[in-house]
N, C-alpha and C. Protein backbone atom coordinates (compact mmCIF):
# COMPACT_ATOMS: atom_id res chain seq x y z
N UNK A 1 7.66 5.20 -42.56
CA UNK A 1 6.47 5.41 -41.47
C UNK A 1 5.60 6.22 -42.24
N UNK A 2 4.34 6.16 -41.59
CA UNK A 2 3.34 7.50 -42.69
C UNK A 2 2.87 7.71 -41.70
N UNK A 3 2.51 9.53 -42.08
CA UNK A 3 1.62 10.48 -41.49
C UNK A 3 0.17 11.18 -42.33
N UNK A 4 -0.57 11.40 -41.68
CA UNK A 4 -1.64 11.81 -41.88
C UNK A 4 -2.50 12.64 -41.16
N UNK A 5 -2.54 13.61 -41.62
CA UNK A 5 -4.19 14.99 -40.63
C UNK A 5 -4.91 14.74 -41.20
N UNK A 6 -5.67 15.31 -40.73
CA UNK A 6 -7.33 15.49 -41.15
C UNK A 6 -8.66 16.66 -40.10
N UNK A 7 -9.26 17.22 -40.86
CA UNK A 7 -9.90 17.45 -40.30
C UNK A 7 -11.42 16.97 -40.59
N UNK A 8 -12.94 17.12 -39.54
CA UNK A 8 -14.10 16.89 -40.58
C UNK A 8 -15.24 17.24 -39.56
N UNK A 9 -16.09 17.84 -40.05
CA UNK A 9 -17.40 18.66 -39.50
C UNK A 9 -18.63 17.85 -39.89
N UNK A 10 -19.29 17.85 -39.30
CA UNK A 10 -20.77 16.97 -39.55
C UNK A 10 -22.02 18.11 -38.73
N UNK A 11 -22.87 17.83 -39.87
CA UNK A 11 -23.98 18.50 -38.90
C UNK A 11 -25.28 17.82 -39.19
N UNK A 12 -25.86 16.89 -38.08
CA UNK A 12 -26.83 15.65 -38.32
C UNK A 12 -27.88 16.91 -37.47
N UNK A 13 -29.48 15.81 -38.08
CA UNK A 13 -30.39 16.57 -37.39
C UNK A 13 -31.20 14.96 -36.96
N UNK A 14 -31.54 14.59 -35.78
CA UNK A 14 -31.84 13.88 -35.15
C UNK A 14 -33.69 13.50 -35.02
N UNK A 15 -34.21 12.94 -35.49
CA UNK A 15 -35.52 13.16 -35.52
C UNK A 15 -36.28 11.36 -34.86
N UNK A 16 -35.56 11.08 -34.03
CA UNK A 16 -36.21 10.62 -33.34
C UNK A 16 -37.42 10.64 -31.54
N UNK A 17 -38.27 10.98 -31.61
CA UNK A 17 -39.33 11.57 -30.25
C UNK A 17 -38.97 13.24 -30.94
N UNK A 18 -38.54 13.73 -30.29
CA UNK A 18 -38.19 15.19 -30.20
C UNK A 18 -37.01 15.40 -31.27
N UNK A 19 -37.25 16.11 -32.22
CA UNK A 19 -35.99 16.69 -32.79
C UNK A 19 -34.70 16.92 -32.23
N UNK A 20 -34.07 16.75 -32.66
CA UNK A 20 -32.72 17.61 -31.79
C UNK A 20 -31.70 17.57 -32.87
N UNK A 21 -30.51 18.44 -32.77
CA UNK A 21 -29.45 18.54 -33.81
C UNK A 21 -28.61 18.68 -32.83
N UNK A 22 -27.19 18.21 -33.72
CA UNK A 22 -25.55 18.22 -33.59
C UNK A 22 -24.65 18.09 -34.27
N UNK A 23 -24.06 19.62 -34.32
CA UNK A 23 -22.68 19.90 -34.80
C UNK A 23 -21.42 19.30 -34.56
N UNK A 24 -20.67 18.59 -35.28
CA UNK A 24 -19.70 17.60 -34.64
C UNK A 24 -17.95 18.47 -35.44
N UNK A 25 -17.11 18.82 -34.64
CA UNK A 25 -15.93 18.62 -35.56
C UNK A 25 -15.03 18.01 -35.09
N UNK A 26 -14.16 17.84 -35.66
CA UNK A 26 -12.97 16.61 -35.51
C UNK A 26 -12.01 16.93 -36.26
N UNK A 27 -10.95 16.82 -35.06
CA UNK A 27 -9.51 17.18 -35.39
C UNK A 27 -8.39 15.62 -35.46
N UNK A 28 -7.68 14.92 -36.60
CA UNK A 28 -7.07 13.64 -36.03
C UNK A 28 -5.78 14.13 -37.03
N UNK A 29 -5.23 12.91 -36.08
CA UNK A 29 -3.95 12.80 -36.72
C UNK A 29 -3.45 10.98 -36.47
N UNK A 30 -3.59 10.53 -38.04
CA UNK A 30 -3.22 9.08 -37.96
C UNK A 30 -0.91 9.07 -38.47
N UNK A 31 -0.57 8.30 -37.80
CA UNK A 31 1.14 7.77 -37.81
C UNK A 31 1.59 6.45 -37.63
N UNK A 32 1.37 5.65 -38.60
CA UNK A 32 2.37 4.55 -38.76
C UNK A 32 3.52 3.51 -39.04
N UNK A 33 3.88 3.45 -38.30
CA UNK A 33 5.41 2.68 -38.18
C UNK A 33 5.32 1.29 -38.93
N UNK A 34 5.79 0.80 -40.17
CA UNK A 34 5.65 -0.41 -40.56
C UNK A 34 6.69 -1.51 -41.15
N UNK A 35 7.04 -2.19 -40.25
CA UNK A 35 8.15 -3.54 -41.17
C UNK A 35 7.47 -4.25 -41.54
N UNK A 36 8.84 -4.60 -42.67
CA UNK A 36 8.74 -5.84 -43.47
C UNK A 36 9.84 -6.96 -43.68
N UNK A 37 9.38 -8.04 -43.53
CA UNK A 37 10.88 -8.56 -43.39
C UNK A 37 10.21 -10.11 -44.28
N UNK A 38 10.53 -10.46 -45.39
CA UNK A 38 10.63 -11.63 -46.37
C UNK A 38 11.83 -12.18 -46.72
N UNK A 39 11.68 -13.39 -47.08
CA UNK A 39 12.39 -14.36 -47.96
C UNK A 39 11.88 -14.99 -49.00
N UNK A 40 12.36 -15.71 -49.97
CA UNK A 40 11.75 -16.06 -51.35
C UNK A 40 12.67 -17.48 -51.63
N UNK A 41 12.63 -18.31 -51.71
CA UNK A 41 13.32 -19.58 -52.17
C UNK A 41 12.74 -20.00 -53.36
N UNK A 42 13.44 -21.02 -54.41
CA UNK A 42 13.09 -21.33 -55.14
C UNK A 42 14.08 -22.53 -55.79
N UNK A 43 13.85 -24.06 -55.35
CA UNK A 43 14.72 -25.05 -56.00
C UNK A 43 14.17 -25.96 -57.09
N UNK A 44 14.96 -26.26 -57.85
CA UNK A 44 14.53 -27.36 -58.78
C UNK A 44 15.46 -28.23 -59.26
N UNK A 45 15.02 -29.28 -59.00
CA UNK A 45 16.20 -30.64 -58.89
C UNK A 45 16.93 -30.79 -60.12
N UNK A 46 15.77 -30.49 -61.24
CA UNK A 46 15.81 -30.63 -62.98
C UNK A 46 14.64 -29.76 -63.35
N UNK A 47 14.47 -29.96 -64.47
CA UNK A 47 13.74 -29.07 -65.75
C UNK A 47 12.40 -29.51 -65.45
N UNK A 48 11.89 -30.41 -64.70
CA UNK A 48 10.83 -30.67 -64.67
C UNK A 48 9.85 -31.08 -63.57
N UNK A 49 10.26 -30.06 -62.45
CA UNK A 49 10.14 -29.67 -61.12
C UNK A 49 10.66 -28.70 -60.92
N UNK A 50 9.92 -28.29 -59.81
CA UNK A 50 9.93 -27.10 -59.62
C UNK A 50 9.30 -26.47 -58.22
N UNK A 51 10.45 -26.44 -57.33
CA UNK A 51 9.43 -25.72 -55.87
C UNK A 51 9.89 -24.11 -55.47
N UNK A 52 8.94 -23.46 -54.70
CA UNK A 52 9.18 -22.45 -54.56
C UNK A 52 8.87 -22.31 -52.92
N UNK A 53 8.98 -21.52 -52.17
CA UNK A 53 8.73 -21.36 -51.34
C UNK A 53 9.07 -20.00 -50.48
N UNK A 54 8.41 -19.12 -49.85
CA UNK A 54 8.38 -18.07 -49.31
C UNK A 54 7.87 -17.58 -47.75
N UNK A 55 7.91 -16.36 -47.12
CA UNK A 55 7.69 -15.78 -46.03
C UNK A 55 8.28 -14.61 -46.08
N UNK A 56 6.78 -13.71 -45.57
CA UNK A 56 6.52 -12.49 -44.94
C UNK A 56 5.91 -12.41 -43.87
N UNK A 57 6.75 -11.46 -42.95
CA UNK A 57 6.01 -11.20 -41.76
C UNK A 57 6.37 -9.63 -41.77
N UNK A 58 4.61 -8.77 -41.46
CA UNK A 58 4.77 -7.92 -41.57
C UNK A 58 4.47 -6.79 -40.12
N UNK A 59 4.40 -5.99 -39.48
CA UNK A 59 4.36 -5.50 -37.65
C UNK A 59 3.97 -3.92 -38.10
N UNK A 60 3.11 -3.82 -37.63
CA UNK A 60 2.64 -2.64 -37.84
C UNK A 60 2.43 -1.41 -36.39
N UNK A 61 2.99 -0.50 -36.59
CA UNK A 61 2.69 0.54 -35.37
C UNK A 61 1.77 1.49 -35.57
N UNK A 62 0.43 1.32 -35.15
CA UNK A 62 -0.09 2.40 -35.24
C UNK A 62 -0.88 3.54 -34.23
N UNK A 63 -0.17 5.08 -34.18
CA UNK A 63 -1.54 5.76 -33.04
C UNK A 63 -2.26 6.64 -34.26
N UNK A 64 -3.35 6.58 -33.21
CA UNK A 64 -3.94 7.91 -33.29
C UNK A 64 -5.00 8.36 -32.78
N UNK A 65 -4.87 9.93 -33.12
CA UNK A 65 -4.51 10.74 -32.08
C UNK A 65 -6.59 11.19 -32.70
N UNK A 66 -7.25 12.00 -32.16
CA UNK A 66 -8.79 12.90 -32.52
C UNK A 66 -9.28 13.19 -31.00
N UNK A 67 -9.36 14.99 -31.78
CA UNK A 67 -9.91 15.47 -30.64
C UNK A 67 -11.18 16.09 -31.52
N UNK A 68 -12.92 16.14 -30.69
CA UNK A 68 -13.95 16.06 -31.06
C UNK A 68 -14.44 16.62 -30.14
N UNK A 69 -15.48 18.06 -31.03
CA UNK A 69 -16.18 18.68 -30.12
C UNK A 69 -17.61 18.65 -30.86
N UNK A 70 -18.69 18.70 -30.26
CA UNK A 70 -20.07 18.58 -29.88
C UNK A 70 -20.63 19.65 -29.37
N UNK A 71 -21.34 20.04 -30.20
CA UNK A 71 -23.02 21.03 -30.31
C UNK A 71 -24.10 20.37 -30.12
N UNK A 72 -24.90 20.34 -29.17
CA UNK A 72 -26.68 19.75 -29.57
C UNK A 72 -27.19 20.77 -28.98
N UNK A 73 -28.21 20.91 -30.20
CA UNK A 73 -29.82 22.09 -30.24
C UNK A 73 -30.71 20.90 -30.09
N UNK A 74 -31.43 22.23 -29.42
CA UNK A 74 -33.14 21.19 -29.38
C UNK A 74 -33.72 21.56 -30.43
N UNK A 75 -35.42 21.64 -30.40
CA UNK A 75 -35.39 21.68 -32.03
C UNK A 75 -36.07 22.97 -32.05
N UNK A 76 -35.53 24.08 -31.34
CA UNK A 76 -35.59 25.83 -31.22
C UNK A 76 -34.52 25.80 -31.19
N UNK A 77 -33.31 25.25 -31.59
CA UNK A 77 -31.65 25.44 -32.15
C UNK A 77 -31.29 26.66 -31.18
N UNK A 78 -31.91 25.42 -29.75
CA UNK A 78 -31.51 26.44 -28.86
C UNK A 78 -29.90 25.73 -28.18
N UNK A 79 -28.26 26.06 -27.80
CA UNK A 79 -28.19 25.55 -27.23
C UNK A 79 -28.49 24.90 -25.70
N UNK A 80 -28.21 23.43 -26.17
CA UNK A 80 -28.36 22.90 -24.41
C UNK A 80 -27.36 22.06 -23.77
N UNK A 81 -26.66 21.09 -25.00
CA UNK A 81 -25.32 20.63 -23.86
C UNK A 81 -24.34 20.60 -25.37
N UNK A 82 -23.11 21.04 -24.77
CA UNK A 82 -22.05 21.01 -24.64
C UNK A 82 -21.14 20.22 -24.56
N UNK A 83 -20.27 19.40 -25.10
CA UNK A 83 -18.68 18.86 -24.90
C UNK A 83 -17.86 18.38 -25.75
N UNK A 84 -16.81 18.06 -25.26
CA UNK A 84 -15.32 17.30 -26.15
C UNK A 84 -14.65 16.04 -25.64
N UNK A 85 -13.89 15.56 -26.96
CA UNK A 85 -13.71 14.45 -26.43
C UNK A 85 -12.74 14.10 -27.06
N UNK A 86 -11.32 13.74 -26.53
CA UNK A 86 -10.41 12.62 -26.98
C UNK A 86 -10.58 11.27 -27.57
N UNK A 87 -9.71 10.64 -28.39
CA UNK A 87 -9.44 9.32 -27.99
C UNK A 87 -8.65 8.61 -28.96
N UNK A 88 -7.18 8.99 -27.66
CA UNK A 88 -6.00 8.19 -28.54
C UNK A 88 -6.26 6.88 -28.85
N UNK A 89 -5.64 6.79 -29.86
CA UNK A 89 -6.19 4.82 -29.91
C UNK A 89 -4.48 4.52 -30.42
N UNK A 90 -4.05 3.61 -30.11
CA UNK A 90 -2.67 2.66 -29.92
C UNK A 90 -3.30 1.14 -30.61
N UNK A 91 -2.62 0.72 -31.67
CA UNK A 91 -2.42 -0.29 -32.89
C UNK A 91 -1.37 -0.84 -32.22
N UNK A 92 -1.18 -2.59 -32.64
CA UNK A 92 -0.13 -3.13 -32.83
C UNK A 92 -0.50 -4.17 -33.32
N UNK A 93 -0.39 -4.38 -35.02
CA UNK A 93 -0.57 -5.51 -35.55
C UNK A 93 0.72 -6.11 -35.72
N UNK A 94 0.30 -7.93 -36.12
CA UNK A 94 1.31 -8.34 -36.53
C UNK A 94 0.71 -9.32 -37.98
N UNK A 95 1.39 -9.68 -38.87
CA UNK A 95 0.92 -10.77 -40.15
C UNK A 95 2.08 -11.17 -40.49
N UNK A 96 1.46 -12.68 -40.73
CA UNK A 96 2.66 -13.42 -41.19
C UNK A 96 2.56 -14.57 -42.19
N UNK A 97 2.72 -14.05 -43.74
CA UNK A 97 2.16 -14.92 -44.52
C UNK A 97 3.31 -16.41 -45.25
N UNK A 98 2.73 -17.08 -44.99
CA UNK A 98 4.06 -18.63 -45.65
C UNK A 98 3.49 -18.90 -46.63
N UNK A 99 3.96 -19.68 -47.91
CA UNK A 99 3.65 -20.04 -48.44
C UNK A 99 4.58 -21.14 -49.60
N UNK A 100 4.02 -21.81 -50.03
CA UNK A 100 4.75 -23.05 -50.82
C UNK A 100 4.02 -23.17 -52.45
N UNK A 101 4.85 -23.58 -52.56
CA UNK A 101 4.39 -24.01 -54.33
C UNK A 101 5.07 -25.26 -55.05
N UNK A 102 4.13 -26.11 -55.61
CA UNK A 102 4.94 -26.98 -55.90
C UNK A 102 4.59 -27.37 -57.56
N UNK A 103 5.49 -27.09 -58.69
CA UNK A 103 5.08 -27.22 -60.49
C UNK A 103 5.73 -28.72 -60.73
N UNK A 104 5.02 -29.63 -62.00
CA UNK A 104 5.06 -29.97 -62.33
C UNK A 104 4.97 -30.51 -64.06
N UNK A 105 6.20 -30.31 -64.52
CA UNK A 105 6.15 -30.71 -65.79
C UNK A 105 5.96 -31.50 -66.63
N UNK A 106 5.26 -32.36 -67.39
CA UNK A 106 5.33 -33.24 -67.65
C UNK A 106 5.80 -33.15 -69.02
N UNK A 107 6.30 -34.60 -69.94
CA UNK A 107 6.66 -34.38 -71.74
C UNK A 107 5.68 -34.03 -72.30
N UNK A 108 4.44 -34.18 -72.29
CA UNK A 108 3.70 -33.61 -72.98
C UNK A 108 3.47 -32.29 -72.93
N UNK A 109 3.39 -30.98 -74.18
CA UNK A 109 3.51 -30.14 -74.02
C UNK A 109 2.70 -28.97 -73.37
N UNK A 110 2.70 -28.64 -72.25
CA UNK A 110 1.55 -27.37 -71.66
C UNK A 110 1.19 -28.24 -70.42
N UNK A 111 1.56 -29.65 -70.75
CA UNK A 111 0.44 -30.79 -69.51
C UNK A 111 1.34 -30.33 -68.41
N UNK A 112 0.82 -29.59 -67.03
CA UNK A 112 1.48 -29.19 -65.68
C UNK A 112 0.78 -29.67 -64.63
N UNK A 113 0.42 -29.86 -63.90
CA UNK A 113 0.36 -30.29 -62.15
C UNK A 113 1.44 -29.28 -60.94
N UNK A 114 0.47 -28.41 -60.52
CA UNK A 114 0.65 -27.38 -60.08
C UNK A 114 -0.03 -27.77 -58.42
N UNK A 115 0.30 -27.94 -57.07
CA UNK A 115 -0.13 -27.39 -55.96
C UNK A 115 0.62 -26.29 -55.25
N UNK A 116 -0.57 -25.35 -54.87
CA UNK A 116 0.33 -24.48 -53.77
C UNK A 116 -0.82 -24.63 -52.30
N UNK A 117 -0.02 -24.29 -50.75
CA UNK A 117 -0.19 -24.41 -49.77
C UNK A 117 0.01 -22.51 -49.36
N UNK A 118 -0.58 -22.68 -48.41
CA UNK A 118 -0.51 -21.35 -47.60
C UNK A 118 -1.24 -20.99 -46.66
N UNK A 119 -0.51 -19.56 -45.87
CA UNK A 119 -1.26 -20.62 -44.48
C UNK A 119 -0.69 -18.85 -43.99
N UNK A 120 -1.34 -18.35 -43.48
CA UNK A 120 -1.78 -16.52 -42.73
C UNK A 120 -2.43 -16.66 -41.72
N UNK A 121 -1.63 -15.87 -40.76
CA UNK A 121 -1.60 -15.78 -38.97
C UNK A 121 -1.37 -14.29 -38.70
N UNK A 122 -2.47 -13.79 -38.87
CA UNK A 122 -2.45 -12.04 -38.04
C UNK A 122 -2.72 -12.07 -36.97
N UNK A 123 -2.52 -10.92 -36.10
CA UNK A 123 -2.55 -10.93 -34.05
C UNK A 123 -2.43 -9.54 -34.12
N UNK A 124 -3.95 -8.24 -33.72
CA UNK A 124 -3.91 -7.39 -34.06
C UNK A 124 -4.22 -7.50 -32.29
N UNK A 125 -4.17 -6.03 -32.45
CA UNK A 125 -4.52 -5.21 -30.68
C UNK A 125 -4.19 -3.84 -30.72
N UNK A 126 -5.76 -3.88 -30.35
CA UNK A 126 -5.49 -2.21 -30.32
C UNK A 126 -6.59 -1.87 -28.80
N UNK A 127 -5.78 -0.22 -28.25
CA UNK A 127 -6.23 0.17 -26.88
C UNK A 127 -6.64 0.93 -27.27
N UNK A 128 -8.10 1.92 -26.58
CA UNK A 128 -8.43 3.39 -26.76
C UNK A 128 -8.73 3.75 -25.75
N UNK A 129 -9.21 5.05 -25.46
CA UNK A 129 -9.24 5.90 -24.15
C UNK A 129 -9.76 6.56 -24.53
N UNK A 130 -11.26 7.22 -24.01
CA UNK A 130 -12.39 8.13 -24.51
C UNK A 130 -12.26 8.48 -23.35
N UNK A 131 -12.33 10.54 -23.36
CA UNK A 131 -12.14 11.06 -21.95
C UNK A 131 -13.39 11.93 -22.60
N UNK A 132 -14.22 12.41 -22.07
CA UNK A 132 -15.77 13.51 -22.14
C UNK A 132 -14.78 14.70 -21.17
N UNK A 133 -15.38 15.98 -21.65
CA UNK A 133 -15.10 17.03 -20.40
C UNK A 133 -16.12 17.80 -21.21
N UNK A 134 -17.63 17.58 -20.15
CA UNK A 134 -18.81 18.54 -19.92
C UNK A 134 -18.55 20.16 -19.55
N UNK A 135 -19.00 21.08 -21.20
CA UNK A 135 -19.27 22.72 -21.20
C UNK A 135 -20.54 23.06 -20.11
N UNK A 136 -20.69 24.13 -19.19
CA UNK A 136 -21.73 24.81 -19.47
C UNK A 136 -22.24 25.06 -20.77
N UNK A 137 -23.52 25.05 -21.54
CA UNK A 137 -23.48 25.95 -22.84
C UNK A 137 -23.90 27.41 -22.79
N UNK A 138 -24.53 27.97 -21.71
CA UNK A 138 -24.41 29.25 -21.24
C UNK A 138 -23.23 30.06 -21.96
N UNK A 139 -22.00 29.60 -20.09
CA UNK A 139 -20.82 30.57 -20.30
C UNK A 139 -19.86 30.14 -20.84
N UNK A 140 -19.75 27.92 -20.86
CA UNK A 140 -18.82 27.63 -21.36
C UNK A 140 -17.86 27.00 -21.28
N UNK A 141 -18.11 27.06 -19.71
CA UNK A 141 -16.82 26.78 -18.59
C UNK A 141 -17.65 25.25 -18.59
N UNK A 142 -15.99 24.78 -17.99
CA UNK A 142 -15.81 23.09 -17.82
C UNK A 142 -16.57 23.02 -16.61
N UNK A 143 -17.54 22.11 -16.41
CA UNK A 143 -18.22 21.73 -15.41
C UNK A 143 -17.29 21.23 -14.43
N UNK A 144 -17.19 21.64 -13.11
CA UNK A 144 -16.27 21.79 -12.10
C UNK A 144 -16.18 19.87 -11.43
N UNK A 145 -16.21 18.64 -12.59
CA UNK A 145 -16.30 17.62 -12.07
C UNK A 145 -15.74 17.12 -13.11
N UNK A 146 -14.77 15.66 -12.57
CA UNK A 146 -13.60 15.29 -13.39
C UNK A 146 -14.38 14.50 -14.69
N UNK A 147 -13.79 14.10 -15.73
CA UNK A 147 -14.25 13.75 -16.94
C UNK A 147 -14.23 12.70 -16.96
N UNK A 148 -15.65 12.52 -17.74
CA UNK A 148 -15.96 10.90 -17.72
C UNK A 148 -15.30 9.82 -18.96
N UNK A 149 -14.60 8.91 -18.84
CA UNK A 149 -13.35 8.17 -19.37
C UNK A 149 -14.09 6.99 -19.54
N UNK A 150 -13.81 6.20 -20.81
CA UNK A 150 -14.23 4.68 -21.36
C UNK A 150 -12.57 4.57 -21.74
N UNK A 151 -12.52 2.74 -21.52
CA UNK A 151 -11.22 1.93 -21.51
C UNK A 151 -11.53 0.78 -23.17
N UNK A 152 -10.97 0.95 -24.11
CA UNK A 152 -11.53 0.14 -24.67
C UNK A 152 -10.74 -0.79 -25.04
N UNK A 153 -10.48 -2.21 -25.14
CA UNK A 153 -9.57 -3.28 -25.49
C UNK A 153 -9.71 -3.66 -26.69
N UNK A 154 -9.15 -4.10 -27.46
CA UNK A 154 -9.60 -5.05 -28.48
C UNK A 154 -8.80 -5.87 -28.89
N UNK A 155 -8.99 -7.13 -28.88
CA UNK A 155 -7.84 -8.14 -30.19
C UNK A 155 -8.52 -8.78 -30.61
N UNK A 156 -8.02 -9.53 -31.78
CA UNK A 156 -8.05 -9.97 -32.75
C UNK A 156 -7.22 -11.30 -33.27
N UNK A 157 -7.66 -12.23 -33.38
CA UNK A 157 -6.58 -13.02 -34.41
C UNK A 157 -7.21 -14.31 -34.93
N UNK A 158 -6.76 -14.78 -36.17
CA UNK A 158 -6.74 -14.88 -37.29
C UNK A 158 -5.88 -15.67 -38.02
N UNK A 159 -6.74 -17.06 -38.35
CA UNK A 159 -6.23 -17.94 -39.06
C UNK A 159 -6.74 -18.49 -40.41
N UNK A 160 -5.75 -18.01 -41.60
CA UNK A 160 -6.33 -18.71 -42.29
C UNK A 160 -5.67 -19.84 -43.49
N UNK A 161 -5.88 -20.78 -43.25
CA UNK A 161 -5.00 -21.80 -44.70
C UNK A 161 -6.13 -22.31 -45.85
N UNK A 162 -5.29 -22.60 -46.86
CA UNK A 162 -5.65 -23.08 -48.08
C UNK A 162 -4.05 -24.09 -48.95
N UNK A 163 -4.98 -25.33 -49.62
CA UNK A 163 -4.63 -25.77 -50.75
C UNK A 163 -5.23 -25.99 -51.23
N UNK A 164 -4.03 -25.94 -52.61
CA UNK A 164 -5.07 -25.79 -54.17
C UNK A 164 -4.24 -26.68 -55.19
N UNK A 165 -4.49 -27.38 -55.46
CA UNK A 165 -4.00 -28.33 -57.11
C UNK A 165 -5.23 -27.99 -58.19
N UNK A 166 -3.85 -28.00 -59.32
CA UNK A 166 -4.74 -27.52 -60.36
C UNK A 166 -4.10 -28.15 -61.85
N UNK A 167 -4.33 -29.14 -62.32
CA UNK A 167 -4.03 -29.82 -63.46
C UNK A 167 -4.49 -29.67 -65.08
N UNK A 168 -3.54 -28.85 -65.52
CA UNK A 168 -3.85 -28.68 -67.54
C UNK A 168 -3.24 -29.75 -68.53
N UNK A 169 -4.11 -29.90 -69.28
CA UNK A 169 -3.76 -30.92 -69.91
C UNK A 169 -4.10 -30.31 -71.50
N UNK A 170 -3.70 -30.81 -72.37
CA UNK A 170 -4.01 -29.54 -73.85
C UNK A 170 -4.54 -31.02 -74.57
N UNK A 171 -5.15 -31.04 -75.13
CA UNK A 171 -6.77 -31.61 -75.82
C UNK A 171 -5.86 -31.39 -77.30
N UNK A 172 -6.47 -31.85 -78.63
CA UNK A 172 -6.13 -31.42 -80.08
C UNK A 172 -7.07 -30.16 -80.17
N UNK A 173 -6.71 -29.23 -81.21
CA UNK A 173 -7.61 -28.39 -82.07
C UNK A 173 -7.21 -27.00 -81.29
N UNK A 174 -6.02 -27.43 -80.65
CA UNK A 174 -5.66 -26.37 -79.59
C UNK A 174 -6.86 -25.96 -78.07
N UNK A 175 -7.56 -27.16 -77.89
CA UNK A 175 -7.89 -27.19 -76.69
C UNK A 175 -7.30 -27.44 -75.46
N UNK A 176 -8.08 -27.22 -74.36
CA UNK A 176 -7.46 -27.80 -73.10
C UNK A 176 -8.25 -28.06 -72.02
N UNK A 177 -8.20 -28.95 -71.14
CA UNK A 177 -8.70 -29.34 -70.09
C UNK A 177 -8.04 -28.81 -68.89
N UNK A 178 -8.94 -28.41 -67.75
CA UNK A 178 -8.28 -27.99 -66.97
C UNK A 178 -9.40 -28.67 -65.78
N UNK A 179 -8.55 -28.62 -64.80
CA UNK A 179 -9.32 -29.63 -63.58
C UNK A 179 -8.26 -29.17 -62.18
N UNK A 180 -9.40 -29.18 -61.57
CA UNK A 180 -8.62 -28.50 -60.04
C UNK A 180 -9.40 -28.68 -58.62
N UNK A 181 -9.10 -29.24 -57.49
CA UNK A 181 -9.90 -29.09 -56.34
C UNK A 181 -8.76 -27.69 -55.39
N UNK A 182 -9.69 -27.33 -54.46
CA UNK A 182 -8.95 -25.88 -53.73
C UNK A 182 -10.10 -26.44 -51.98
N UNK A 183 -8.84 -26.72 -50.80
CA UNK A 183 -9.54 -26.58 -49.63
C UNK A 183 -9.17 -25.07 -48.84
N UNK A 184 -10.22 -24.84 -47.74
CA UNK A 184 -9.05 -23.17 -47.34
C UNK A 184 -10.45 -23.56 -46.22
N UNK A 185 -9.78 -22.85 -45.14
CA UNK A 185 -9.90 -23.04 -43.58
C UNK A 185 -10.08 -21.25 -42.63
N UNK A 186 -10.78 -21.04 -41.96
CA UNK A 186 -10.48 -19.68 -41.46
C UNK A 186 -11.05 -19.94 -40.18
N UNK A 187 -10.10 -19.21 -39.02
CA UNK A 187 -10.68 -19.20 -37.82
C UNK A 187 -10.70 -18.25 -36.96
N UNK A 188 -11.18 -17.43 -36.77
CA UNK A 188 -11.39 -15.80 -36.00
C UNK A 188 -11.68 -15.65 -34.75
N UNK A 189 -10.64 -15.22 -33.83
CA UNK A 189 -11.16 -15.10 -32.62
C UNK A 189 -10.87 -14.18 -31.80
N UNK A 190 -12.38 -13.10 -31.33
CA UNK A 190 -12.58 -11.58 -30.98
C UNK A 190 -11.76 -11.03 -29.51
N UNK A 191 -11.73 -10.96 -28.92
CA UNK A 191 -12.05 -10.04 -27.38
C UNK A 191 -11.94 -9.04 -27.35
N UNK A 192 -13.39 -8.86 -26.98
CA UNK A 192 -13.84 -7.42 -26.97
C UNK A 192 -13.90 -6.78 -25.05
N UNK A 193 -13.15 -5.69 -24.59
CA UNK A 193 -13.50 -4.83 -23.47
C UNK A 193 -13.81 -3.79 -23.31
N UNK A 194 -14.74 -2.89 -22.84
CA UNK A 194 -15.32 -1.68 -22.66
C UNK A 194 -15.48 -1.62 -20.92
N UNK A 195 -14.63 -0.62 -20.86
CA UNK A 195 -14.29 -0.46 -19.06
C UNK A 195 -15.00 1.36 -19.94
N UNK A 196 -16.12 1.73 -18.61
CA UNK A 196 -16.99 2.23 -18.07
C UNK A 196 -16.88 2.96 -16.89
N UNK A 197 -16.43 4.45 -16.74
CA UNK A 197 -16.18 4.94 -15.21
C UNK A 197 -16.63 6.41 -15.49
N UNK A 198 -17.34 6.28 -14.38
CA UNK A 198 -18.54 7.32 -13.97
C UNK A 198 -17.37 8.26 -13.32
N UNK A 199 -18.59 9.68 -12.93
CA UNK A 199 -18.07 10.68 -12.31
C UNK A 199 -16.96 10.23 -10.94
């Protein structure tokens, strides 16, 4: 489990049309729980061949909580708008790595053939709820209306695969010939749902 906290302050000047100024302050807390499970097996039927296989599964459960306050000022530095926003974010990420490696050694010293294959599958899911409260810029009293809310859901599925073959052939005078082939493929599927609720 890892936990981190922080504070961020920003002062911005926006010059699009009529200029205005924004002061932003944010307090945040990030907490992650990581579980890792893996295994590795090596098999050598003889001294010339070796096969190694490994699997690694990682699960990350994250909690991000942030509270931000915003003060807007007009071109004359008069306070015109005040609001705060909370944005709790919940993440659940799964990642699986599969690897297979085969090495063949020849009778000739340093001559070798290696074949490597890998497959990575990741599944990330995130849900964030934004809640905005507006205040009277003069009295700093909350407006007597329900807050504005936004609900955001993000899902990303990624699949990566690769196969690689390498051949090493030693030559005369300490020279060596190296050649190889590699194929890789990646597919990504992303879904994004944004829901906004009025007063």
